[in-house]
C-alpha atoms as a PDB file:
ATOM      1  CA  ARG A   1       0.000   0.000   0.000  1.00  0.00           C
ATOM      2  CA  ASN A   2       2.901   2.330   0.819  1.00  0.00           C
ATOM      3  CA  ARG A   3       4.476   1.634  -2.554  1.00  0.00           C
ATOM      4  CA  GLU A   4       1.152   2.370  -4.278  1.00  0.00           C
ATOM      5  CA  LEU A   5       0.886   5.664  -2.370  1.00  0.00           C
ATOM      6  CA  GLU A   6       4.433   6.591  -3.345  1.00  0.00           C
ATOM      7  CA  ARG A   7       3.705   5.869  -6.994  1.00  0.00           C
ATOM      8  CA  GLU A   8       0.490   7.916  -6.778  1.00  0.00           C
ATOM      9  CA  VAL A   9       2.337  10.851  -5.122  1.00  0.00           C
ATOM     10  CA  ALA A  10       5.056  10.676  -7.786  1.00  0.00           C
ATOM     11  CA  ARG A  11       2.446  10.647 -10.554  1.00  0.00           C
ATOM     12  CA  ARG A  12       0.553  13.604  -9.067  1.00  0.00           C
ATOM     13  CA  THR A  13       3.812  15.499  -8.559  1.00  0.00           C
ATOM     14  CA  ALA A  14       4.760  14.954 -12.205  1.00  0.00           C
ATOM     15  CA  GLU A  15       1.323  16.155 -13.304  1.00  0.00           C
ATOM     16  CA  LEU A  16       1.602  19.275 -11.126  1.00  0.00           C
ATOM     17  CA  ASN A  17       5.082  20.014 -12.453  1.00  0.00           C
ATOM     18  CA  GLN A  18       3.805  19.680 -16.013  1.00  0.00           C
ATOM     19  CA  SER A  19       0.832  21.929 -15.242  1.00  0.00           C
ATOM     20  CA  LEU A  20       3.174  24.498 -13.731  1.00  0.00           C
ATOM     21  CA  ALA A  21       5.398  24.375 -16.825  1.00  0.00           C
ATOM     22  CA  ASP A  22       2.337  24.786 -19.056  1.00  0.00           C
ATOM     23  CA  LEU A  23       1.134  27.757 -17.012  1.00  0.00           C
ATOM     24  CA  LYS A  24       4.544  29.436 -17.203  1.00  0.00           C
ATOM     25  CA  ALA A  25       4.647  28.878 -20.960  1.00  0.00           C
ATOM     26  CA  ALA A  26       1.131  30.322 -21.325  1.00  0.00           C
ATOM     27  CA  GLN A  27       2.087  33.299 -19.187  1.00  0.00           C
ATOM     28  CA  ALA A  28       5.162  33.941 -21.336  1.00  0.00           C
ATOM     29  CA  ARG A  29       3.030  33.801 -24.495  1.00  0.00           C
ATOM     30  CA  LEU A  30       0.488  36.241 -23.049  1.00  0.00           C
ATOM     31  CA  VAL A  31       3.183  38.647 -21.908  1.00  0.00           C
ATOM     32  CA  GLN A  32       4.703  38.528 -25.391  1.00  0.00           C
ATOM     33  CA  GLN A  33       1.239  39.102 -26.883  1.00  0.00           C
ATOM     34  CA  GLU A  34       0.826  42.220 -24.724  1.00  0.00           C
ATOM     35  CA  LYS A  35       4.253  43.474 -25.792  1.00  0.00           C
ATOM     36  CA  LEU A  36       3.410  42.895 -29.443  1.00  0.00           C
ATOM     37  CA  ALA A  37       0.108  44.739 -29.010  1.00  0.00           C
ATOM     38  CA  SER A  38       1.895  47.760 -27.531  1.00  0.00           C
ATOM     39  CA  LEU A  39       4.527  47.491 -30.272  1.00  0.00           C
ATOM     40  CA  GLY A  40       1.729  47.701 -32.841  1.00  0.00           C
ATOM     41  CA  GLN A  41       0.464  50.888 -31.197  1.00  0.00           C
ATOM     42  CA  LEU A  42       3.987  52.268 -31.111  1.00  0.00           C
ATOM     43  CA  THR A  43       4.640  51.435 -34.768  1.00  0.00           C
ATOM     44  CA  ALA A  44       1.425  53.125 -35.881  1.00  0.00           C
ATOM     45  CA  GLY A  45       2.379  56.201 -33.892  1.00  0.00           C
ATOM     46  CA  ILE A  46       5.901  56.235 -35.285  1.00  0.00           C
ATOM     47  CA  ALA A  47       4.670  55.972 -38.862  1.00  0.00           C
ATOM     48  CA  HIS A  48       2.574  59.085 -38.246  1.00  0.00           C
ATOM     49  CA  GLU A  49       5.080  60.938 -36.077  1.00  0.00           C
ATOM     50  CA  ILE A  50       8.118  60.390 -38.278  1.00  0.00           C
ATOM     51  CA  LYS A  51       6.440  62.170 -41.193  1.00  0.00           C
ATOM     52  CA  ASN A  52       6.913  65.479 -39.401  1.00  0.00           C
ATOM     53  CA  PRO A  53      10.742  65.556 -39.253  1.00  0.00           C
ATOM     54  CA  LEU A  54      10.966  63.969 -42.700  1.00  0.00           C
ATOM     55  CA  ASN A  55       8.798  66.726 -44.156  1.00  0.00           C
ATOM     56  CA  PHE A  56      11.078  69.329 -42.554  1.00  0.00           C
ATOM     57  CA  ILE A  57      14.168  67.567 -43.911  1.00  0.00           C
ATOM     58  CA  ASN A  58      12.721  67.432 -47.431  1.00  0.00           C
ATOM     59  CA  ASN A  59      11.624  71.073 -47.319  1.00  0.00           C
ATOM     60  CA  PHE A  60      14.944  72.398 -46.013  1.00  0.00           C
ATOM     61  CA  ALA A  61      16.860  70.229 -48.510  1.00  0.00           C
ATOM     62  CA  ALA A  62      14.796  71.630 -51.398  1.00  0.00           C
ATOM     63  CA  LEU A  63      15.266  75.178 -50.101  1.00  0.00           C
ATOM     64  CA  SER A  64      19.019  74.605 -49.782  1.00  0.00           C
ATOM     65  CA  ARG A  65      19.177  73.455 -53.391  1.00  0.00           C
ATOM     66  CA  GLU A  66      17.487  76.702 -54.456  1.00  0.00           C
ATOM     67  CA  LEU A  67      19.942  78.707 -52.344  1.00  0.00           C
ATOM     68  CA  LEU A  68      22.855  76.915 -53.999  1.00  0.00           C
ATOM     69  CA  ASP A  69      21.501  77.901 -57.418  1.00  0.00           C
ATOM     70  CA  GLU A  70      21.286  81.505 -56.231  1.00  0.00           C
ATOM     71  CA  LEU A  71      24.811  81.290 -54.825  1.00  0.00           C
ATOM     72  CA  ASP A  72      26.168  80.125 -58.182  1.00  0.00           C
ATOM     73  CA  ALA A  73      24.598  83.129 -59.904  1.00  0.00           C
ATOM     74  CA  GLU A  74      25.475  85.701 -57.200  1.00  0.00           C
ATOM     75  CA  THR A  75      28.585  87.873 -57.597  1.00  0.00           C
ATOM     76  CA  ASP A  76      28.167  90.283 -54.679  1.00  0.00           C
ATOM     77  CA  PRO A  77      30.351  89.031 -51.763  1.00  0.00           C
ATOM     78  CA  ALA A  78      27.911  90.318 -49.136  1.00  0.00           C
ATOM     79  CA  GLU A  79      24.989  88.522 -50.777  1.00  0.00           C
ATOM     80  CA  GLN A  80      27.099  85.378 -51.128  1.00  0.00           C
ATOM     81  CA  GLN A  81      27.854  85.462 -47.411  1.00  0.00           C
ATOM     82  CA  ALA A  82      24.156  85.923 -46.617  1.00  0.00           C
ATOM     83  CA  LEU A  83      23.290  82.904 -48.772  1.00  0.00           C
ATOM     84  CA  LEU A  84      26.027  80.862 -47.083  1.00  0.00           C
ATOM     85  CA  ASP A  85      24.636  81.835 -43.676  1.00  0.00           C
ATOM     86  CA  ASP A  86      21.160  80.668 -44.776  1.00  0.00           C
ATOM     87  CA  LEU A  87      22.634  77.387 -46.028  1.00  0.00           C
ATOM     88  CA  LYS A  88      24.350  76.857 -42.685  1.00  0.00           C
ATOM     89  CA  ILE A  89      21.079  77.428 -40.817  1.00  0.00           C
ATOM     90  CA  ASN A  90      19.274  75.000 -43.134  1.00  0.00           C
ATOM     91  CA  ALA A  91      21.979  72.377 -42.621  1.00  0.00           C
ATOM     92  CA  GLU A  92      21.614  72.739 -38.837  1.00  0.00           C
ATOM     93  CA  ARG A  93      17.833  72.327 -39.115  1.00  0.00           C
ATOM     94  CA  ILE A  94      18.190  69.263 -41.333  1.00  0.00           C
ATOM     95  CA  GLU A  95      20.611  67.769 -38.804  1.00  0.00           C
ATOM     96  CA  ALA A  96      18.260  68.511 -35.889  1.00  0.00           C
ATOM     97  CA  HIS A  97      15.234  66.952 -37.585  1.00  0.00           C
ATOM     98  CA  GLY A  98      17.364  64.012 -38.712  1.00  0.00           C
ATOM     99  CA  ARG A  99      18.289  63.387 -35.065  1.00  0.00           C
ATOM    100  CA  ARG A 100      14.612  63.646 -34.180  1.00  0.00           C
ATOM    101  CA  ALA A 101      13.698  60.978 -36.770  1.00  0.00           C
ATOM    102  CA  ASP A 102      16.601  58.827 -35.588  1.00  0.00           C
ATOM    103  CA  GLY A 103      15.379  59.114 -32.010  1.00  0.00           C
ATOM    104  CA  ILE A 104      11.896  57.993 -32.988  1.00  0.00           C
ATOM    105  CA  VAL A 105      13.255  54.922 -34.785  1.00  0.00           C
ATOM    106  CA  HIS A 106      15.472  54.092 -31.795  1.00  0.00           C
ATOM    107  CA  ALA A 107      12.429  54.342 -29.531  1.00  0.00           C
ATOM    108  CA  MET A 108      10.717  51.669 -31.619  1.00  0.00           C
ATOM    109  CA  LEU A 109      13.815  49.453 -31.624  1.00  0.00           C
ATOM    110  CA  ASP A 110      14.243  49.827 -27.868  1.00  0.00           C
ATOM    111  CA  HIS A 111      10.582  49.027 -27.357  1.00  0.00           C
ATOM    112  CA  ALA A 112      10.807  45.920 -29.534  1.00  0.00           C
ATOM    113  CA  ARG A 113      14.003  44.598 -27.945  1.00  0.00           C
ATOM    114  CA  PRO A 114      13.084  41.645 -25.710  1.00  0.00           C
ATOM    115  CA  ASN A 115      13.936  41.691 -22.012  1.00  0.00           C
ATOM    116  CA  SER A 116      16.009  44.870 -22.188  1.00  0.00           C
ATOM    117  CA  HIS A 117      16.836  46.119 -18.687  1.00  0.00           C
ATOM    118  CA  GLU A 118      19.382  48.688 -19.759  1.00  0.00           C
ATOM    119  CA  ARG A 119      19.545  51.726 -17.489  1.00  0.00           C
ATOM    120  CA  ARG A 120      20.881  55.042 -18.688  1.00  0.00           C
ATOM    121  CA  LEU A 121      20.445  58.748 -18.096  1.00  0.00           C
ATOM    122  CA  VAL A 122      17.460  59.981 -20.083  1.00  0.00           C
ATOM    123  CA  ASP A 123      15.739  63.355 -20.258  1.00  0.00           C
ATOM    124  CA  PHE A 124      12.502  62.289 -18.589  1.00  0.00           C
ATOM    125  CA  ASN A 125      10.249  65.012 -20.000  1.00  0.00           C
ATOM    126  CA  THR A 126      11.464  64.314 -23.539  1.00  0.00           C
ATOM    127  CA  LEU A 127      10.867  60.569 -23.140  1.00  0.00           C
ATOM    128  CA  VAL A 128       7.360  61.111 -21.755  1.00  0.00           C
ATOM    129  CA  GLY A 129       6.502  63.646 -24.477  1.00  0.00           C
ATOM    130  CA  GLU A 130       7.641  61.295 -27.241  1.00  0.00           C
ATOM    131  CA  TYR A 131       5.588  58.346 -25.999  1.00  0.00           C
ATOM    132  CA  VAL A 132       2.544  60.532 -25.346  1.00  0.00           C
ATOM    133  CA  ALA A 133       2.737  61.741 -28.963  1.00  0.00           C
ATOM    134  CA  LEU A 134       3.248  58.208 -30.262  1.00  0.00           C
ATOM    135  CA  ALA A 135       0.212  56.923 -28.341  1.00  0.00           C
ATOM    136  CA  LEU A 136      -1.919  59.759 -29.701  1.00  0.00           C
ATOM    137  CA  HIS A 137      -0.720  59.314 -33.278  1.00  0.00           C
ATOM    138  CA  GLY A 138      -1.152  55.556 -33.004  1.00  0.00           C
ATOM    139  CA  LYS A 139      -4.784  56.068 -32.004  1.00  0.00           C
ATOM    140  CA  LYS A 140      -5.286  58.565 -34.844  1.00  0.00           C
ATOM    141  CA  ALA A 141      -3.830  56.050 -37.288  1.00  0.00           C
ATOM    142  CA  GLN A 142      -6.582  53.635 -36.223  1.00  0.00           C
ATOM    143  CA  SER A 143      -9.304  56.291 -36.074  1.00  0.00           C
ATOM    144  CA  PRO A 144      -8.432  59.352 -38.226  1.00  0.00           C
ATOM    145  CA  ASP A 145     -11.355  61.372 -36.834  1.00  0.00           C
ATOM    146  CA  VAL A 146     -10.070  61.167 -33.260  1.00  0.00           C
ATOM    147  CA  GLU A 147      -9.996  64.564 -31.552  1.00  0.00           C
ATOM    148  CA  VAL A 148      -8.590  64.636 -28.013  1.00  0.00           C
ATOM    149  CA  ALA A 149      -7.248  67.662 -26.152  1.00  0.00           C
ATOM    150  CA  VAL A 150      -3.905  66.626 -24.650  1.00  0.00           C
ATOM    151  CA  VAL A 151      -2.475  69.155 -22.173  1.00  0.00           C
ATOM    152  CA  GLU A 152       1.171  68.750 -21.161  1.00  0.00           C
ATOM    153  CA  ASN A 153       2.526  70.426 -18.036  1.00  0.00           C
ATOM    154  CA  PHE A 154       6.159  69.370 -17.648  1.00  0.00           C
ATOM    155  CA  ASP A 155       8.309  70.506 -14.742  1.00  0.00           C
ATOM    156  CA  ALA A 156      11.522  71.840 -16.319  1.00  0.00           C
ATOM    157  CA  SER A 157      13.498  70.884 -13.202  1.00  0.00           C
ATOM    158  CA  VAL A 158      12.889  67.151 -13.722  1.00  0.00           C
ATOM    159  CA  GLY A 159      15.977  66.823 -15.915  1.00  0.00           C
ATOM    160  CA  GLU A 160      17.644  63.464 -16.526  1.00  0.00           C
ATOM    161  CA  LEU A 161      16.824  60.220 -14.717  1.00  0.00           C
ATOM    162  CA  GLU A 162      18.694  56.929 -14.745  1.00  0.00           C
ATOM    163  CA  ILE A 163      15.925  54.597 -15.887  1.00  0.00           C
ATOM    164  CA  GLY A 164      15.116  51.875 -18.378  1.00  0.00           C
ATOM    165  CA  PRO A 165      13.792  53.991 -21.270  1.00  0.00           C
ATOM    166  CA  GLN A 166      12.173  51.050 -23.063  1.00  0.00           C
ATOM    167  CA  GLU A 167      10.310  49.980 -19.931  1.00  0.00           C
ATOM    168  CA  ILE A 168       9.204  53.455 -18.834  1.00  0.00           C
ATOM    169  CA  GLY A 169       8.183  54.173 -22.434  1.00  0.00           C
ATOM    170  CA  ARG A 170       5.986  51.088 -22.356  1.00  0.00           C
ATOM    171  CA  VAL A 171       4.347  52.318 -19.140  1.00  0.00           C
ATOM    172  CA  VAL A 172       3.628  55.768 -20.623  1.00  0.00           C
ATOM    173  CA  LEU A 173       2.302  54.199 -23.817  1.00  0.00           C
ATOM    174  CA  ASN A 174       0.023  51.876 -21.864  1.00  0.00           C
ATOM    175  CA  LEU A 175      -1.352  54.564 -19.539  1.00  0.00           C
ATOM    176  CA  MET A 176      -1.932  56.957 -22.440  1.00  0.00           C
ATOM    177  CA  SER A 177      -3.606  54.269 -24.544  1.00  0.00           C
ATOM    178  CA  ASN A 178      -5.933  53.389 -21.668  1.00  0.00           C
ATOM    179  CA  ALA A 179      -6.782  57.066 -21.138  1.00  0.00           C
ATOM    180  CA  LEU A 180      -7.486  57.515 -24.862  1.00  0.00           C
ATOM    181  CA  ASP A 181      -9.729  54.445 -24.915  1.00  0.00           C
ATOM    182  CA  ALA A 182     -11.612  55.733 -21.858  1.00  0.00           C
ATOM    183  CA  VAL A 183     -12.323  59.248 -23.169  1.00  0.00           C
ATOM    184  CA  LEU A 184     -13.195  58.082 -26.673  1.00  0.00           C
ATOM    185  CA  GLU A 185     -15.594  55.456 -25.377  1.00  0.00           C
ATOM    186  CA  HIS A 186     -17.157  58.085 -23.114  1.00  0.00           C
ATOM    187  CA  ALA A 187     -17.502  60.420 -26.107  1.00  0.00           C
ATOM    188  CA  THR A 188     -19.698  57.864 -27.868  1.00  0.00           C
ATOM    189  CA  GLN A 189     -21.970  57.536 -24.813  1.00  0.00           C
ATOM    190  CA  ALA A 190     -22.118  61.072 -23.428  1.00  0.00           C
ATOM    191  CA  GLU A 191     -25.515  62.691 -23.799  1.00  0.00           C
ATOM    192  CA  GLU A 192     -24.269  66.217 -23.039  1.00  0.00           C
ATOM    193  CA  PRO A 193     -21.592  68.170 -24.963  1.00  0.00           C
ATOM    194  CA  TYR A 194     -18.264  66.576 -24.117  1.00  0.00           C
ATOM    195  CA  THR A 195     -14.645  67.301 -25.063  1.00  0.00           C
ATOM    196  CA  PRO A 196     -12.254  64.376 -24.485  1.00  0.00           C
ATOM    197  CA  ARG A 197      -9.297  65.691 -22.479  1.00  0.00           C
ATOM    198  CA  ILE A 198      -6.112  64.157 -21.089  1.00  0.00           C
ATOM    199  CA  SER A 199      -3.547  65.988 -18.989  1.00  0.00           C
ATOM    200  CA  VAL A 200       0.048  64.785 -18.604  1.00  0.00           C
ATOM    201  CA  THR A 201       2.026  66.296 -15.736  1.00  0.00           C
ATOM    202  CA  THR A 202       5.557  65.756 -14.441  1.00  0.00           C
ATOM    203  CA  GLN A 203       6.897  67.101 -11.169  1.00  0.00           C
ATOM    204  CA  ARG A 204      10.157  66.842  -9.268  1.00  0.00           C
ATOM    205  CA  THR A 205      10.517  66.923  -5.491  1.00  0.00           C
ATOM    206  CA  ALA A 206      13.535  66.363  -3.279  1.00  0.00           C
ATOM    207  CA  GLU A 207      12.892  62.618  -3.123  1.00  0.00           C
ATOM    208  CA  ALA A 208      11.126  61.627  -6.341  1.00  0.00           C
ATOM    209  CA  VAL A 209       9.780  62.447  -9.770  1.00  0.00           C
ATOM    210  CA  THR A 210       6.078  61.952 -10.401  1.00  0.00           C
ATOM    211  CA  LEU A 211       4.157  61.485 -13.610  1.00  0.00           C
ATOM    212  CA  ARG A 212       0.401  61.977 -13.648  1.00  0.00           C
ATOM    213  CA  ILE A 213      -1.844  61.018 -16.564  1.00  0.00           C
ATOM    214  CA  ALA A 214      -5.405  62.169 -15.928  1.00  0.00           C
ATOM    215  CA  ASP A 215      -8.472  61.849 -18.138  1.00  0.00           C
ATOM    216  CA  ASN A 216     -12.036  63.126 -17.976  1.00  0.00           C
ATOM    217  CA  GLY A 217     -13.515  59.801 -19.001  1.00  0.00           C
ATOM    218  CA  PRO A 218     -16.108  57.686 -17.197  1.00  0.00           C
ATOM    219  CA  GLY A 219     -13.825  56.836 -14.282  1.00  0.00           C
ATOM    220  CA  ILE A 220     -13.203  53.467 -12.653  1.00  0.00           C
ATOM    221  CA  PRO A 221     -15.792  51.810 -10.378  1.00  0.00           C
ATOM    222  CA  GLU A 222     -14.637  51.720  -6.758  1.00  0.00           C
ATOM    223  CA  ALA A 223     -15.032  47.942  -6.694  1.00  0.00           C
ATOM    224  CA  SER A 224     -12.331  47.681  -9.371  1.00  0.00           C
ATOM    225  CA  HIS A 225      -9.698  49.797  -7.586  1.00  0.00           C
ATOM    226  CA  GLY A 226      -8.213  46.831  -5.743  1.00  0.00           C
ATOM    227  CA  LYS A 227      -8.093  44.675  -8.859  1.00  0.00           C
ATOM    228  CA  ILE A 228      -6.990  47.114 -11.550  1.00  0.00           C
ATOM    229  CA  PHE A 229      -3.320  46.050 -11.410  1.00  0.00           C
ATOM    230  CA  GLU A 230      -4.001  42.320 -11.228  1.00  0.00           C
ATOM    231  CA  PRO A 231      -3.021  40.194 -14.245  1.00  0.00           C
ATOM    232  CA  PHE A 232      -5.857  39.551 -16.707  1.00  0.00           C
ATOM    233  CA  TYR A 233      -8.236  41.983 -15.006  1.00  0.00           C
ATOM    234  CA  THR A 234      -9.776  44.427 -17.448  1.00  0.00           C
ATOM    235  CA  THR A 235     -12.810  46.677 -17.626  1.00  0.00           C
ATOM    236  CA  LYS A 236     -12.690  46.722 -21.426  1.00  0.00           C
ATOM    237  CA  PRO A 237     -15.124  44.708 -23.563  1.00  0.00           C
ATOM    238  CA  PRO A 238     -14.116  41.103 -24.375  1.00  0.00           C
ATOM    239  CA  GLY A 239     -11.488  40.958 -27.104  1.00  0.00           C
ATOM    240  CA  SER A 240     -10.368  44.550 -26.538  1.00  0.00           C
ATOM    241  CA  GLY A 241      -7.328  43.770 -24.408  1.00  0.00           C
ATOM    242  CA  THR A 242      -5.319  41.072 -22.666  1.00  0.00           C
ATOM    243  CA  GLY A 243      -5.718  42.521 -19.184  1.00  0.00           C
ATOM    244  CA  LEU A 244      -1.935  42.509 -18.786  1.00  0.00           C
ATOM    245  CA  GLY A 245      -1.023  46.109 -19.673  1.00  0.00           C
ATOM    246  CA  LEU A 246      -1.470  47.619 -16.205  1.00  0.00           C
ATOM    247  CA  SER A 247      -0.062  44.507 -14.536  1.00  0.00           C
ATOM    248  CA  LEU A 248       3.132  44.738 -16.600  1.00  0.00           C
ATOM    249  CA  SER A 249       3.319  48.491 -15.973  1.00  0.00           C
ATOM    250  CA  TYR A 250       2.933  47.873 -12.247  1.00  0.00           C
ATOM    251  CA  ASP A 251       5.786  45.347 -12.249  1.00  0.00           C
ATOM    252  CA  ILE A 252       8.021  47.699 -14.264  1.00  0.00           C
ATOM    253  CA  ILE A 253       7.510  50.561 -11.801  1.00  0.00           C
ATOM    254  CA  ILE A 254       7.390  48.616  -8.529  1.00  0.00           C
ATOM    255  CA  GLN A 255       9.887  45.820  -9.101  1.00  0.00           C
ATOM    256  CA  GLY A 256      12.008  47.290 -11.855  1.00  0.00           C
ATOM    257  CA  HIS A 257      12.388  50.854 -10.588  1.00  0.00           C
ATOM    258  CA  GLY A 258      11.435  50.758  -6.899  1.00  0.00           C
ATOM    259  CA  GLY A 259       8.631  53.271  -7.441  1.00  0.00           C
ATOM    260  CA  THR A 260       4.863  53.329  -7.058  1.00  0.00           C
ATOM    261  CA  LEU A 261       1.927  53.199  -9.458  1.00  0.00           C
ATOM    262  CA  THR A 262      -1.441  54.255  -8.094  1.00  0.00           C
ATOM    263  CA  VAL A 263      -4.848  55.249  -9.399  1.00  0.00           C
ATOM    264  CA  ASP A 264      -7.252  57.882  -8.104  1.00  0.00           C
ATOM    265  CA  SER A 265     -10.713  57.747  -9.618  1.00  0.00           C
ATOM    266  CA  LEU A 266     -14.366  58.345  -8.907  1.00  0.00           C
ATOM    267  CA  GLU A 267     -16.910  56.762 -11.183  1.00  0.00           C
ATOM    268  CA  GLY A 268     -18.179  59.394 -13.590  1.00  0.00           C
ATOM    269  CA  GLN A 269     -15.338  61.820 -12.807  1.00  0.00           C
ATOM    270  CA  GLY A 270     -12.373  60.480 -14.757  1.00  0.00           C
ATOM    271  CA  ALA A 271      -9.234  58.731 -13.586  1.00  0.00           C
ATOM    272  CA  THR A 272      -5.693  59.773 -12.659  1.00  0.00           C
ATOM    273  CA  PHE A 273      -2.780  57.348 -12.753  1.00  0.00           C
ATOM    274  CA  MET A 274       0.319  58.456 -10.877  1.00  0.00           C
ATOM    275  CA  VAL A 275       3.815  57.042 -11.333  1.00  0.00           C
ATOM    276  CA  THR A 276       6.431  57.899  -8.712  1.00  0.00           C
ATOM    277  CA  LEU A 277      10.113  57.212  -9.388  1.00  0.00           C
ATOM    278  CA  PRO A 278      12.447  57.684  -6.413  1.00  0.00           C
ATOM    279  CA  LEU A 279      15.616  59.709  -6.825  1.00  0.00           C
ATOM    280  CA  ASP A 280      18.910  58.312  -5.614  1.00  0.00           C
ATOM    281  CA  LYS A 281      21.303  60.258  -3.406  1.00  0.00           C
ATOM    282  CA  LYS A 282      22.790  61.958  -6.461  1.00  0.00           C
ATOM    283  CA  GLY A 283      19.351  63.209  -7.495  1.00  0.00           C
ATOM    284  CA  THR A 284      19.041  60.961 -10.587  1.00  0.00           C
END
């Protein structure tokens, strides 16, 4: 009987180990699915956003070609110098917008790179502004008629932080995408005149940097406050999300950066998500 019990325990243990392996594999697939979904949003935003610096580059290049033609025909030294000064300014603008386009592409590559935990000094306001714009343009790429008032209030003293730019970018993208979904859904249901609005605020204190993303959407029911960061929990309609976005964001902020991620919301009065990133002793 003891031998039979041992065999039964061994069989059950093997089954549990296999179930655990299957669950871990399923979790890995779902996490990758969430990353791919956010990458799709990012790519759509980049395709829209990158047009802006490319248009500037093309326009300044065409203008520079015209200035070169004028320079060839000009004989007055003073006028030649003026044309050369204009060409120098155009070259500087082309370089600046080229760096902007390069930065956008690098943001996509960083976002797509698997399991990147690289930390480096990054201008926090610039990073947040780029991902806010990418989330907005990504939504407009899906729905061209989207009109949302996005108000940015960035504290100039925030400066550079030593963070994982890919990971923090994913958090900003996720929070912005959720806010956009909330206000746009509310716009389709509101009976009174309604202007979708999202505010993005950064602030630096002696101990931490905070990021607030607030919307004037329908808010989050109080019963959901304790579950909102749990894996697979979502208030969106079936098929509209994996329920992992906020859970991954929570892990990135809490475990990856030692910060906090909280939500403040009253049903019918919008929602505010607040990210707090602690500063080290050097203030970075």
